[in-house]
C-alpha atoms as a PDB file:
ATOM      1  CA  UNK A   1       0.176   0.020   0.011  1.00  0.00           C
ATOM      2  CA  UNK A   2       1.420   3.427  -0.758  1.00  0.00           C
ATOM      3  CA  UNK A   3       2.432   6.073   1.565  1.00  0.00           C
ATOM      4  CA  UNK A   4       0.611   8.859   1.414  1.00  0.00           C
ATOM      5  CA  UNK A   5       1.890  12.223   1.192  1.00  0.00           C
ATOM      6  CA  UNK A   6       0.888  15.324   3.055  1.00  0.00           C
ATOM      7  CA  UNK A   7       1.080  18.330   0.735  1.00  0.00           C
ATOM      8  CA  UNK A   8       2.157  21.986   1.267  1.00  0.00           C
ATOM      9  CA  UNK A   9      -1.000  23.081   0.285  1.00  0.00           C
ATOM     10  CA  UNK A  10      -2.548  21.629   4.026  1.00  0.00           C
ATOM     11  CA  UNK A  11      -0.954  24.604   5.557  1.00  0.00           C
ATOM     12  CA  UNK A  12      -2.924  26.921   3.464  1.00  0.00           C
ATOM     13  CA  UNK A  13      -4.181  29.961   6.008  1.00  0.00           C
ATOM     14  CA  UNK A  14      -2.377  28.781   8.955  1.00  0.00           C
ATOM     15  CA  UNK A  15      -0.181  30.894  10.848  1.00  0.00           C
ATOM     16  CA  UNK A  16       3.847  31.024  10.753  1.00  0.00           C
ATOM     17  CA  UNK A  17       5.404  28.301  13.036  1.00  0.00           C
ATOM     18  CA  UNK A  18       2.222  26.289  12.459  1.00  0.00           C
ATOM     19  CA  UNK A  19       3.432  22.002  13.299  1.00  0.00           C
ATOM     20  CA  UNK A  20       2.556  20.070  10.165  1.00  0.00           C
ATOM     21  CA  UNK A  21       3.991  17.379   8.731  1.00  0.00           C
ATOM     22  CA  UNK A  22       4.566  17.797   5.022  1.00  0.00           C
ATOM     23  CA  UNK A  23       5.723  14.857   3.466  1.00  0.00           C
ATOM     24  CA  UNK A  24       5.428  10.980   3.510  1.00  0.00           C
ATOM     25  CA  UNK A  25       5.194   9.094   6.960  1.00  0.00           C
ATOM     26  CA  UNK A  26       8.381   6.755   6.669  1.00  0.00           C
ATOM     27  CA  UNK A  27       7.915   5.049  10.025  1.00  0.00           C
ATOM     28  CA  UNK A  28       5.308   4.307  12.314  1.00  0.00           C
ATOM     29  CA  UNK A  29       6.564   4.807  15.834  1.00  0.00           C
ATOM     30  CA  UNK A  30       8.977   7.782  16.352  1.00  0.00           C
ATOM     31  CA  UNK A  31      11.804   7.056  18.649  1.00  0.00           C
ATOM     32  CA  UNK A  32      14.490   9.159  20.522  1.00  0.00           C
ATOM     33  CA  UNK A  33      17.856   8.090  21.059  1.00  0.00           C
ATOM     34  CA  UNK A  34      20.513   9.569  23.367  1.00  0.00           C
ATOM     35  CA  UNK A  35      24.441   9.415  23.270  1.00  0.00           C
ATOM     36  CA  UNK A  36      26.364  10.677  25.881  1.00  0.00           C
ATOM     37  CA  UNK A  37      29.748  11.012  26.226  1.00  0.00           C
ATOM     38  CA  UNK A  38      32.876  13.417  27.698  1.00  0.00           C
ATOM     39  CA  UNK A  39      33.263  11.956  30.967  1.00  0.00           C
ATOM     40  CA  UNK A  40      34.997   9.059  32.764  1.00  0.00           C
ATOM     41  CA  UNK A  41      31.950   6.648  32.037  1.00  0.00           C
ATOM     42  CA  UNK A  42      32.830   6.457  28.565  1.00  0.00           C
ATOM     43  CA  UNK A  43      29.996   6.573  25.808  1.00  0.00           C
ATOM     44  CA  UNK A  44      26.360   5.740  26.761  1.00  0.00           C
ATOM     45  CA  UNK A  45      23.839   5.199  24.273  1.00  0.00           C
ATOM     46  CA  UNK A  46      19.944   4.772  25.067  1.00  0.00           C
ATOM     47  CA  UNK A  47      16.473   5.040  24.142  1.00  0.00           C
ATOM     48  CA  UNK A  48      14.305   7.698  25.632  1.00  0.00           C
ATOM     49  CA  UNK A  49      10.267   6.714  25.955  1.00  0.00           C
ATOM     50  CA  UNK A  50       9.838  10.394  27.219  1.00  0.00           C
ATOM     51  CA  UNK A  51      11.941  13.524  26.417  1.00  0.00           C
ATOM     52  CA  UNK A  52      11.133  14.737  30.136  1.00  0.00           C
ATOM     53  CA  UNK A  53      13.979  11.707  30.893  1.00  0.00           C
ATOM     54  CA  UNK A  54      16.732  13.971  29.490  1.00  0.00           C
ATOM     55  CA  UNK A  55      17.273  16.143  32.474  1.00  0.00           C
ATOM     56  CA  UNK A  56      17.730  13.229  34.925  1.00  0.00           C
ATOM     57  CA  UNK A  57      20.806  13.122  36.423  1.00  0.00           C
ATOM     58  CA  UNK A  58      21.935   9.972  34.563  1.00  0.00           C
ATOM     59  CA  UNK A  59      21.630  11.608  31.478  1.00  0.00           C
ATOM     60  CA  UNK A  60      23.656  14.607  31.959  1.00  0.00           C
ATOM     61  CA  UNK A  61      26.493  14.739  29.716  1.00  0.00           C
ATOM     62  CA  UNK A  62      29.386  17.276  28.645  1.00  0.00           C
ATOM     63  CA  UNK A  63      28.180  16.379  25.121  1.00  0.00           C
ATOM     64  CA  UNK A  64      24.742  15.145  24.209  1.00  0.00           C
ATOM     65  CA  UNK A  65      23.403  14.320  21.073  1.00  0.00           C
ATOM     66  CA  UNK A  66      19.665  13.604  20.667  1.00  0.00           C
ATOM     67  CA  UNK A  67      18.486  11.560  17.619  1.00  0.00           C
ATOM     68  CA  UNK A  68      14.676  11.641  16.602  1.00  0.00           C
ATOM     69  CA  UNK A  69      13.457   9.035  13.741  1.00  0.00           C
ATOM     70  CA  UNK A  70      10.261  10.018  12.398  1.00  0.00           C
ATOM     71  CA  UNK A  71       8.901  13.569  11.700  1.00  0.00           C
ATOM     72  CA  UNK A  72       5.513  13.223  11.642  1.00  0.00           C
ATOM     73  CA  UNK A  73       4.868  13.540  15.474  1.00  0.00           C
ATOM     74  CA  UNK A  74       3.910  17.119  16.241  1.00  0.00           C
ATOM     75  CA  UNK A  75       3.474  16.732  20.198  1.00  0.00           C
ATOM     76  CA  UNK A  76       6.930  15.003  19.973  1.00  0.00           C
ATOM     77  CA  UNK A  77       8.465  18.032  18.402  1.00  0.00           C
ATOM     78  CA  UNK A  78       6.853  20.371  20.020  1.00  0.00           C
ATOM     79  CA  UNK A  79       8.148  18.929  23.526  1.00  0.00           C
ATOM     80  CA  UNK A  80      11.487  19.069  22.333  1.00  0.00           C
ATOM     81  CA  UNK A  81      11.370  22.652  21.161  1.00  0.00           C
ATOM     82  CA  UNK A  82      10.095  23.798  24.422  1.00  0.00           C
ATOM     83  CA  UNK A  83      13.073  21.528  26.076  1.00  0.00           C
ATOM     84  CA  UNK A  84      16.083  23.087  24.461  1.00  0.00           C
ATOM     85  CA  UNK A  85      14.024  26.433  23.167  1.00  0.00           C
ATOM     86  CA  UNK A  86      13.946  26.261  19.573  1.00  0.00           C
ATOM     87  CA  UNK A  87      12.337  28.732  17.399  1.00  0.00           C
ATOM     88  CA  UNK A  88       8.726  27.758  16.246  1.00  0.00           C
ATOM     89  CA  UNK A  89      10.114  28.184  12.419  1.00  0.00           C
ATOM     90  CA  UNK A  90      12.752  25.670  13.262  1.00  0.00           C
ATOM     91  CA  UNK A  91      10.218  23.438  14.357  1.00  0.00           C
ATOM     92  CA  UNK A  92       8.003  23.900  11.462  1.00  0.00           C
ATOM     93  CA  UNK A  93      11.118  23.541   8.923  1.00  0.00           C
ATOM     94  CA  UNK A  94      11.920  20.128  10.750  1.00  0.00           C
ATOM     95  CA  UNK A  95       8.171  18.862  10.067  1.00  0.00           C
ATOM     96  CA  UNK A  96       8.468  20.031   6.362  1.00  0.00           C
ATOM     97  CA  UNK A  97      10.595  17.531   4.662  1.00  0.00           C
ATOM     98  CA  UNK A  98      10.914  19.042   1.027  1.00  0.00           C
ATOM     99  CA  UNK A  99      13.456  21.842   2.399  1.00  0.00           C
ATOM    100  CA  UNK A 100      16.088  22.827   0.523  1.00  0.00           C
ATOM    101  CA  UNK A 101      19.355  22.555   2.230  1.00  0.00           C
ATOM    102  CA  UNK A 102      20.119  25.406   4.099  1.00  0.00           C
ATOM    103  CA  UNK A 103      21.521  27.310   7.621  1.00  0.00           C
ATOM    104  CA  UNK A 104      19.480  29.406   9.733  1.00  0.00           C
ATOM    105  CA  UNK A 105      21.677  31.391  12.544  1.00  0.00           C
ATOM    106  CA  UNK A 106      20.132  31.904  16.020  1.00  0.00           C
ATOM    107  CA  UNK A 107      21.311  33.194  19.223  1.00  0.00           C
ATOM    108  CA  UNK A 108      21.804  29.817  21.102  1.00  0.00           C
ATOM    109  CA  UNK A 109      22.080  27.203  18.216  1.00  0.00           C
ATOM    110  CA  UNK A 110      22.483  26.941  14.285  1.00  0.00           C
ATOM    111  CA  UNK A 111      20.226  24.970  12.225  1.00  0.00           C
ATOM    112  CA  UNK A 112      21.066  22.726   9.433  1.00  0.00           C
ATOM    113  CA  UNK A 113      18.868  20.936   6.862  1.00  0.00           C
ATOM    114  CA  UNK A 114      20.115  18.859   4.065  1.00  0.00           C
ATOM    115  CA  UNK A 115      18.884  15.764   2.166  1.00  0.00           C
ATOM    116  CA  UNK A 116      20.689  12.644   1.994  1.00  0.00           C
ATOM    117  CA  UNK A 117      20.941   9.303   0.128  1.00  0.00           C
ATOM    118  CA  UNK A 118      20.722   6.149   2.421  1.00  0.00           C
ATOM    119  CA  UNK A 119      23.425   3.901   1.839  1.00  0.00           C
ATOM    120  CA  UNK A 120      21.722   0.993   2.540  1.00  0.00           C
ATOM    121  CA  UNK A 121      18.902   1.309   0.137  1.00  0.00           C
ATOM    122  CA  UNK A 122      19.325  -0.519  -3.833  1.00  0.00           C
ATOM    123  CA  UNK A 123      22.163   1.120  -6.399  1.00  0.00           C
ATOM    124  CA  UNK A 124      19.144   2.249  -8.328  1.00  0.00           C
ATOM    125  CA  UNK A 125      17.226   3.860  -5.604  1.00  0.00           C
ATOM    126  CA  UNK A 126      17.841   7.562  -5.467  1.00  0.00           C
ATOM    127  CA  UNK A 127      15.522   8.386  -2.799  1.00  0.00           C
ATOM    128  CA  UNK A 128      16.504  11.035  -0.290  1.00  0.00           C
ATOM    129  CA  UNK A 129      15.810  11.564   3.030  1.00  0.00           C
ATOM    130  CA  UNK A 130      15.747  15.153   5.355  1.00  0.00           C
ATOM    131  CA  UNK A 131      17.907  15.663   7.978  1.00  0.00           C
ATOM    132  CA  UNK A 132      17.451  18.333  10.270  1.00  0.00           C
ATOM    133  CA  UNK A 133      20.875  19.031  12.562  1.00  0.00           C
ATOM    134  CA  UNK A 134      20.404  21.785  15.833  1.00  0.00           C
ATOM    135  CA  UNK A 135      24.217  22.439  16.915  1.00  0.00           C
ATOM    136  CA  UNK A 136      24.243  23.843  20.125  1.00  0.00           C
ATOM    137  CA  UNK A 137      27.045  24.989  22.870  1.00  0.00           C
ATOM    138  CA  UNK A 138      26.626  21.150  24.404  1.00  0.00           C
ATOM    139  CA  UNK A 139      24.334  19.567  22.498  1.00  0.00           C
ATOM    140  CA  UNK A 140      23.364  17.999  19.073  1.00  0.00           C
ATOM    141  CA  UNK A 141      19.984  17.506  18.046  1.00  0.00           C
ATOM    142  CA  UNK A 142      19.595  15.377  14.627  1.00  0.00           C
ATOM    143  CA  UNK A 143      15.857  14.729  13.109  1.00  0.00           C
ATOM    144  CA  UNK A 144      15.398  11.905  10.892  1.00  0.00           C
ATOM    145  CA  UNK A 145      12.193  10.913   8.635  1.00  0.00           C
ATOM    146  CA  UNK A 146      13.414   7.013   9.283  1.00  0.00           C
ATOM    147  CA  UNK A 147      15.852   4.765  10.461  1.00  0.00           C
ATOM    148  CA  UNK A 148      19.087   5.009   8.075  1.00  0.00           C
ATOM    149  CA  UNK A 149      22.664   3.960   8.617  1.00  0.00           C
ATOM    150  CA  UNK A 150      23.505   7.637   7.481  1.00  0.00           C
ATOM    151  CA  UNK A 151      25.322   8.151  10.950  1.00  0.00           C
ATOM    152  CA  UNK A 152      25.938   4.427  11.750  1.00  0.00           C
ATOM    153  CA  UNK A 153      29.956   5.184  11.399  1.00  0.00           C
ATOM    154  CA  UNK A 154      29.835   8.133  13.554  1.00  0.00           C
ATOM    155  CA  UNK A 155      28.315   5.642  16.608  1.00  0.00           C
ATOM    156  CA  UNK A 156      31.034   3.260  15.649  1.00  0.00           C
ATOM    157  CA  UNK A 157      33.779   5.849  16.026  1.00  0.00           C
ATOM    158  CA  UNK A 158      32.291   7.155  19.318  1.00  0.00           C
ATOM    159  CA  UNK A 159      31.799   3.461  20.671  1.00  0.00           C
ATOM    160  CA  UNK A 160      35.869   3.144  19.835  1.00  0.00           C
ATOM    161  CA  UNK A 161      37.893   3.704  23.378  1.00  0.00           C
ATOM    162  CA  UNK A 162      40.337   5.929  21.488  1.00  0.00           C
ATOM    163  CA  UNK A 163      38.831   8.276  18.810  1.00  0.00           C
ATOM    164  CA  UNK A 164      39.258  11.953  18.628  1.00  0.00           C
ATOM    165  CA  UNK A 165      35.190  12.151  18.582  1.00  0.00           C
ATOM    166  CA  UNK A 166      35.412  11.655  22.476  1.00  0.00           C
ATOM    167  CA  UNK A 167      38.247  13.735  23.053  1.00  0.00           C
ATOM    168  CA  UNK A 168      36.603  16.763  21.437  1.00  0.00           C
ATOM    169  CA  UNK A 169      33.613  18.711  21.739  1.00  0.00           C
ATOM    170  CA  UNK A 170      30.255  19.278  20.601  1.00  0.00           C
ATOM    171  CA  UNK A 171      31.804  21.580  17.420  1.00  0.00           C
ATOM    172  CA  UNK A 172      33.651  18.141  16.242  1.00  0.00           C
ATOM    173  CA  UNK A 173      30.878  16.161  16.812  1.00  0.00           C
ATOM    174  CA  UNK A 174      28.686  18.198  14.405  1.00  0.00           C
ATOM    175  CA  UNK A 175      31.481  18.504  12.025  1.00  0.00           C
ATOM    176  CA  UNK A 176      31.870  14.586  11.974  1.00  0.00           C
ATOM    177  CA  UNK A 177      28.144  14.752  11.308  1.00  0.00           C
ATOM    178  CA  UNK A 178      28.366  17.144   8.277  1.00  0.00           C
ATOM    179  CA  UNK A 179      30.912  15.555   6.982  1.00  0.00           C
ATOM    180  CA  UNK A 180      29.046  11.890   6.748  1.00  0.00           C
ATOM    181  CA  UNK A 181      26.314  13.405   5.284  1.00  0.00           C
ATOM    182  CA  UNK A 182      28.391  15.216   2.451  1.00  0.00           C
ATOM    183  CA  UNK A 183      30.473  11.957   2.070  1.00  0.00           C
ATOM    184  CA  UNK A 184      27.597  10.251   1.507  1.00  0.00           C
ATOM    185  CA  UNK A 185      26.831  11.691  -1.962  1.00  0.00           C
ATOM    186  CA  UNK A 186      30.336  10.796  -3.179  1.00  0.00           C
ATOM    187  CA  UNK A 187      28.487   7.337  -3.146  1.00  0.00           C
ATOM    188  CA  UNK A 188      25.444   8.024  -5.399  1.00  0.00           C
ATOM    189  CA  UNK A 189      28.483   9.849  -7.889  1.00  0.00           C
ATOM    190  CA  UNK A 190      30.150   6.836  -7.946  1.00  0.00           C
ATOM    191  CA  UNK A 191      26.503   4.692  -8.833  1.00  0.00           C
ATOM    192  CA  UNK A 192      25.711   7.226 -11.229  1.00  0.00           C
ATOM    193  CA  UNK A 193      29.356   7.299 -12.960  1.00  0.00           C
ATOM    194  CA  UNK A 194      29.179   3.685 -13.324  1.00  0.00           C
ATOM    195  CA  UNK A 195      25.611   4.343 -15.188  1.00  0.00           C
ATOM    196  CA  UNK A 196      27.027   6.602 -17.578  1.00  0.00           C
ATOM    197  CA  UNK A 197      29.685   4.197 -18.448  1.00  0.00           C
ATOM    198  CA  UNK A 198      27.369   1.545 -19.020  1.00  0.00           C
ATOM    199  CA  UNK A 199      25.701   3.910 -20.911  1.00  0.00           C
ATOM    200  CA  UNK A 200      28.495   5.116 -22.699  1.00  0.00           C
ATOM    201  CA  UNK A 201      29.330   1.364 -23.949  1.00  0.00           C
ATOM    202  CA  UNK A 202      25.899   0.411 -25.013  1.00  0.00           C
ATOM    203  CA  UNK A 203      25.793   3.458 -27.165  1.00  0.00           C
ATOM    204  CA  UNK A 204      29.370   3.278 -28.740  1.00  0.00           C
ATOM    205  CA  UNK A 205      28.365  -0.189 -29.100  1.00  0.00           C
ATOM    206  CA  UNK A 206      24.825  -1.353 -30.475  1.00  0.00           C
ATOM    207  CA  UNK A 207      22.472   0.999 -28.835  1.00  0.00           C
ATOM    208  CA  UNK A 208      19.344  -0.348 -27.562  1.00  0.00           C
ATOM    209  CA  UNK A 209      16.008   1.020 -27.921  1.00  0.00           C
ATOM    210  CA  UNK A 210      15.821   2.110 -24.476  1.00  0.00           C
ATOM    211  CA  UNK A 211      19.088   3.619 -24.308  1.00  0.00           C
ATOM    212  CA  UNK A 212      17.327   7.324 -24.905  1.00  0.00           C
ATOM    213  CA  UNK A 213      15.341   6.664 -21.876  1.00  0.00           C
ATOM    214  CA  UNK A 214      17.987   5.961 -19.934  1.00  0.00           C
ATOM    215  CA  UNK A 215      19.524   9.002 -20.908  1.00  0.00           C
ATOM    216  CA  UNK A 216      17.156  11.154 -20.000  1.00  0.00           C
ATOM    217  CA  UNK A 217      16.800   9.745 -16.330  1.00  0.00           C
ATOM    218  CA  UNK A 218      20.415  10.157 -15.799  1.00  0.00           C
ATOM    219  CA  UNK A 219      19.818  13.420 -16.546  1.00  0.00           C
ATOM    220  CA  UNK A 220      16.934  14.216 -14.490  1.00  0.00           C
ATOM    221  CA  UNK A 221      18.886  12.297 -11.407  1.00  0.00           C
ATOM    222  CA  UNK A 222      21.485  14.707 -12.243  1.00  0.00           C
ATOM    223  CA  UNK A 223      19.615  17.666 -12.493  1.00  0.00           C
ATOM    224  CA  UNK A 224      17.747  16.568  -8.590  1.00  0.00           C
ATOM    225  CA  UNK A 225      21.609  15.876  -7.207  1.00  0.00           C
ATOM    226  CA  UNK A 226      22.893  19.557  -8.490  1.00  0.00           C
ATOM    227  CA  UNK A 227      20.143  20.895  -6.555  1.00  0.00           C
ATOM    228  CA  UNK A 228      20.784  19.641  -3.167  1.00  0.00           C
ATOM    229  CA  UNK A 229      24.689  19.606  -3.919  1.00  0.00           C
ATOM    230  CA  UNK A 230      24.737  23.412  -4.899  1.00  0.00           C
ATOM    231  CA  UNK A 231      22.869  24.846  -1.960  1.00  0.00           C
ATOM    232  CA  UNK A 232      24.833  22.322   0.424  1.00  0.00           C
ATOM    233  CA  UNK A 233      28.149  24.141  -0.564  1.00  0.00           C
ATOM    234  CA  UNK A 234      26.804  27.214   0.053  1.00  0.00           C
ATOM    235  CA  UNK A 235      25.768  25.940   3.614  1.00  0.00           C
ATOM    236  CA  UNK A 236      29.381  24.785   4.048  1.00  0.00           C
ATOM    237  CA  UNK A 237      30.546  27.884   2.764  1.00  0.00           C
ATOM    238  CA  UNK A 238      28.998  29.596   5.339  1.00  0.00           C
ATOM    239  CA  UNK A 239      30.069  27.519   8.334  1.00  0.00           C
ATOM    240  CA  UNK A 240      34.036  27.721   7.506  1.00  0.00           C
ATOM    241  CA  UNK A 241      33.827  31.430   6.548  1.00  0.00           C
ATOM    242  CA  UNK A 242      31.770  32.813   9.491  1.00  0.00           C
ATOM    243  CA  UNK A 243      33.214  33.209  12.657  1.00  0.00           C
ATOM    244  CA  UNK A 244      30.821  31.439  14.571  1.00  0.00           C
ATOM    245  CA  UNK A 245      30.800  30.828  18.188  1.00  0.00           C
ATOM    246  CA  UNK A 246      29.492  27.165  17.641  1.00  0.00           C
ATOM    247  CA  UNK A 247      32.822  25.736  16.173  1.00  0.00           C
ATOM    248  CA  UNK A 248      36.295  26.536  17.658  1.00  0.00           C
ATOM    249  CA  UNK A 249      39.572  27.570  15.356  1.00  0.00           C
ATOM    250  CA  UNK A 250      41.000  24.052  15.062  1.00  0.00           C
ATOM    251  CA  UNK A 251      37.203  22.726  13.886  1.00  0.00           C
ATOM    252  CA  UNK A 252      36.925  25.272  10.910  1.00  0.00           C
ATOM    253  CA  UNK A 253      39.974  23.835   9.660  1.00  0.00           C
ATOM    254  CA  UNK A 254      37.988  20.731   9.350  1.00  0.00           C
ATOM    255  CA  UNK A 255      34.903  22.604   8.228  1.00  0.00           C
ATOM    256  CA  UNK A 256      37.252  24.125   5.301  1.00  0.00           C
ATOM    257  CA  UNK A 257      37.742  20.377   3.933  1.00  0.00           C
ATOM    258  CA  UNK A 258      34.234  19.778   4.132  1.00  0.00           C
ATOM    259  CA  UNK A 259      33.928  22.674   1.642  1.00  0.00           C
ATOM    260  CA  UNK A 260      36.112  21.420  -0.487  1.00  0.00           C
ATOM    261  CA  UNK A 261      34.471  18.011  -0.862  1.00  0.00           C
ATOM    262  CA  UNK A 262      31.448  20.055  -1.733  1.00  0.00           C
ATOM    263  CA  UNK A 263      33.227  21.590  -4.377  1.00  0.00           C
ATOM    264  CA  UNK A 264      34.826  18.323  -5.616  1.00  0.00           C
ATOM    265  CA  UNK A 265      31.470  16.727  -5.769  1.00  0.00           C
ATOM    266  CA  UNK A 266      30.104  19.817  -8.077  1.00  0.00           C
ATOM    267  CA  UNK A 267      33.071  19.023 -10.367  1.00  0.00           C
ATOM    268  CA  UNK A 268      32.577  15.791 -10.853  1.00  0.00           C
ATOM    269  CA  UNK A 269      28.349  16.315 -11.220  1.00  0.00           C
ATOM    270  CA  UNK A 270      29.482  18.842 -13.708  1.00  0.00           C
ATOM    271  CA  UNK A 271      32.089  15.969 -15.724  1.00  0.00           C
ATOM    272  CA  UNK A 272      28.897  13.658 -15.692  1.00  0.00           C
ATOM    273  CA  UNK A 273      26.427  16.383 -17.206  1.00  0.00           C
ATOM    274  CA  UNK A 274      28.975  17.199 -19.496  1.00  0.00           C
ATOM    275  CA  UNK A 275      29.820  13.086 -20.538  1.00  0.00           C
ATOM    276  CA  UNK A 276      25.969  12.503 -20.713  1.00  0.00           C
ATOM    277  CA  UNK A 277      25.300  15.362 -23.143  1.00  0.00           C
ATOM    278  CA  UNK A 278      28.122  14.305 -25.308  1.00  0.00           C
ATOM    279  CA  UNK A 279      26.400  10.372 -24.911  1.00  0.00           C
ATOM    280  CA  UNK A 280      22.991  12.142 -26.133  1.00  0.00           C
ATOM    281  CA  UNK A 281      24.332  13.542 -29.003  1.00  0.00           C
ATOM    282  CA  UNK A 282      26.350  10.704 -29.957  1.00  0.00           C
ATOM    283  CA  UNK A 283      23.186   8.644 -30.077  1.00  0.00           C
ATOM    284  CA  UNK A 284      21.077  11.251 -31.856  1.00  0.00           C
ATOM    285  CA  UNK A 285      23.821  11.857 -34.678  1.00  0.00           C
ATOM    286  CA  UNK A 286      23.833   7.750 -34.742  1.00  0.00           C
ATOM    287  CA  UNK A 287      20.070   7.546 -34.979  1.00  0.00           C
ATOM    288  CA  UNK A 288      20.399  10.344 -37.816  1.00  0.00           C
ATOM    289  CA  UNK A 289      22.709   8.346 -39.465  1.00  0.00           C
ATOM    290  CA  UNK A 290      21.419   5.103 -39.633  1.00  0.00           C
ATOM    291  CA  UNK A 291      17.971   6.749 -40.900  1.00  0.00           C
ATOM    292  CA  UNK A 292      20.199   8.578 -43.372  1.00  0.00           C
ATOM    293  CA  UNK A 293      21.739   4.967 -44.827  1.00  0.00           C
ATOM    294  CA  UNK A 294      18.152   3.651 -44.841  1.00  0.00           C
ATOM    295  CA  UNK A 295      16.860   6.350 -46.760  1.00  0.00           C
ATOM    296  CA  UNK A 296      20.213   6.231 -49.168  1.00  0.00           C
ATOM    297  CA  UNK A 297      19.156   2.540 -49.724  1.00  0.00           C
ATOM    298  CA  UNK A 298      15.924   3.198 -50.612  1.00  0.00           C
ATOM    299  CA  UNK A 299      17.151   5.819 -53.012  1.00  0.00           C
ATOM    300  CA  UNK A 300      19.196   3.631 -54.363  1.00  0.00           C
ATOM    301  CA  UNK A 301      16.744   0.938 -55.191  1.00  0.00           C
ATOM    302  CA  UNK A 302      14.421   3.686 -56.501  1.00  0.00           C
ATOM    303  CA  UNK A 303      16.696   4.788 -58.742  1.00  0.00           C
ATOM    304  CA  UNK A 304      17.562   1.522 -60.050  1.00  0.00           C
ATOM    305  CA  UNK A 305      14.430   0.408 -60.988  1.00  0.00           C
ATOM    306  CA  UNK A 306      13.543   3.841 -62.751  1.00  0.00           C
ATOM    307  CA  UNK A 307      14.468   2.721 -66.355  1.00  0.00           C
ATOM    308  CA  UNK A 308      12.877  -0.504 -65.631  1.00  0.00           C
ATOM    309  CA  UNK A 309       9.850   1.703 -65.063  1.00  0.00           C
ATOM    310  CA  UNK A 310      10.294   3.541 -68.244  1.00  0.00           C
ATOM    311  CA  UNK A 311      10.851   0.797 -70.738  1.00  0.00           C
ATOM    312  CA  UNK A 312       7.666  -0.924 -69.330  1.00  0.00           C
ATOM    313  CA  UNK A 313       5.675   2.634 -69.303  1.00  0.00           C
ATOM    314  CA  UNK A 314       6.856   3.108 -72.849  1.00  0.00           C
ATOM    315  CA  UNK A 315       5.619  -0.512 -74.165  1.00  0.00           C
ATOM    316  CA  UNK A 316       2.443  -0.613 -71.851  1.00  0.00           C
ATOM    317  CA  UNK A 317       0.999   2.208 -74.155  1.00  0.00           C
ATOM    318  CA  UNK A 318      -1.890   1.676 -75.725  1.00  0.00           C
ATOM    319  CA  UNK A 319      -0.511   2.075 -79.453  1.00  0.00           C
ATOM    320  CA  UNK A 320      -0.749  -0.680 -82.174  1.00  0.00           C
ATOM    321  CA  UNK A 321       2.183   0.681 -83.834  1.00  0.00           C
ATOM    322  CA  UNK A 322       5.691   0.580 -82.220  1.00  0.00           C
ATOM    323  CA  UNK A 323       9.012  -1.294 -82.766  1.00  0.00           C
ATOM    324  CA  UNK A 324       9.362  -4.381 -81.470  1.00  0.00           C
ATOM    325  CA  UNK A 325       5.534  -4.669 -80.812  1.00  0.00           C
ATOM    326  CA  UNK A 326       5.167  -7.980 -82.761  1.00  0.00           C
ATOM    327  CA  UNK A 327       8.608  -9.200 -82.608  1.00  0.00           C
ATOM    328  CA  UNK A 328       8.740 -12.580 -81.071  1.00  0.00           C
ATOM    329  CA  UNK A 329      12.389 -11.548 -79.237  1.00  0.00           C
ATOM    330  CA  UNK A 330      11.146  -7.986 -78.212  1.00  0.00           C
ATOM    331  CA  UNK A 331      10.226  -9.249 -74.648  1.00  0.00           C
ATOM    332  CA  UNK A 332      13.495 -10.396 -74.182  1.00  0.00           C
ATOM    333  CA  UNK A 333      15.432  -7.689 -75.391  1.00  0.00           C
ATOM    334  CA  UNK A 334      13.674  -5.349 -73.120  1.00  0.00           C
ATOM    335  CA  UNK A 335      14.358  -7.731 -69.854  1.00  0.00           C
ATOM    336  CA  UNK A 336      17.909  -7.843 -71.416  1.00  0.00           C
ATOM    337  CA  UNK A 337      18.101  -4.056 -71.453  1.00  0.00           C
ATOM    338  CA  UNK A 338      16.411  -3.277 -68.065  1.00  0.00           C
ATOM    339  CA  UNK A 339      18.724  -5.740 -66.553  1.00  0.00           C
ATOM    340  CA  UNK A 340      22.032  -4.708 -67.840  1.00  0.00           C
ATOM    341  CA  UNK A 341      20.711  -1.136 -66.926  1.00  0.00           C
ATOM    342  CA  UNK A 342      19.923  -1.975 -63.377  1.00  0.00           C
ATOM    343  CA  UNK A 343      23.364  -4.336 -63.447  1.00  0.00           C
ATOM    344  CA  UNK A 344      25.162  -0.869 -64.852  1.00  0.00           C
ATOM    345  CA  UNK A 345      23.646   1.543 -61.892  1.00  0.00           C
ATOM    346  CA  UNK A 346      24.600  -1.077 -59.336  1.00  0.00           C
ATOM    347  CA  UNK A 347      28.003  -1.204 -60.309  1.00  0.00           C
ATOM    348  CA  UNK A 348      28.273   2.693 -60.362  1.00  0.00           C
ATOM    349  CA  UNK A 349      26.505   2.973 -57.078  1.00  0.00           C
ATOM    350  CA  UNK A 350      28.823   0.558 -55.649  1.00  0.00           C
ATOM    351  CA  UNK A 351      31.817   2.348 -56.963  1.00  0.00           C
ATOM    352  CA  UNK A 352      31.001   5.587 -55.762  1.00  0.00           C
ATOM    353  CA  UNK A 353      30.360   3.644 -52.233  1.00  0.00           C
ATOM    354  CA  UNK A 354      26.794   4.502 -52.138  1.00  0.00           C
ATOM    355  CA  UNK A 355      25.945   0.980 -50.975  1.00  0.00           C
ATOM    356  CA  UNK A 356      28.980   0.631 -48.672  1.00  0.00           C
END
């Protein structure tokens, strides 16, 4: 049964900051996971049945990362917003899952939203999930539409005893999350690159009927990817350029590295777009050449039969007095003449490479 998607039109007439979920409901039951570290107890990971448990003594860590799966529960989002004093517009953007990647700066936190591809999905699945990140001084909030493996590498690094993330503050965790988001696009670029290579082999060989549809599908995917990466580059440029109090001087150097990754992603994307445009031109030219060859062959055949049509037309006229009309050899002479002219024209066309 297809999942029902709520559209933007459902918010018509509502005031700014109204908490209405926009998009597909991708998980039936929302969940909240707390990851805390920074003290002598190492790393703690636990599910929070109630957001009020966050204020208990056992959940008081120097660095707290709260991850929320499922964005359709407006009551849960409202409770989290009250706990961390989030602006209503931030909560509204979190619930709207077709946001353009962007960054908004507030007095006590930064809000970053991006679209990400789930690495656990099949290679042909390019659907995206929205991830919102709220970066505070001692906390990180991540909001995901459903459980994915996007941040699992970060959790594995945190579980390791000797790891740089556990020795750093909240800003380094934010960098690690953003770096993972950007790096996830490299896998998609590699998938599309493989598909472009396969399409190139097909077009340069014997292109099949579905080659044009494949090329246009790839072109749409590349255009969609560009609409996601381009604003993400602006986000990373803003982070590494502005002297934000939420990132230390050392962490800003790492943010510059993420920005370089986004530049590299866009360069690879443009290369694929150019390659695909060239493949489309090659395909259309090859189709045009095949049509021209077929038209030329039909023209040659038609031209070869024109003398025969002329002879038969003359002798088919309704006259009683015509040369060779009553001759017993007239038919064979006409047939020989028509065949000779056809063979002569065939040899001429072959010599001029019109049949090769």
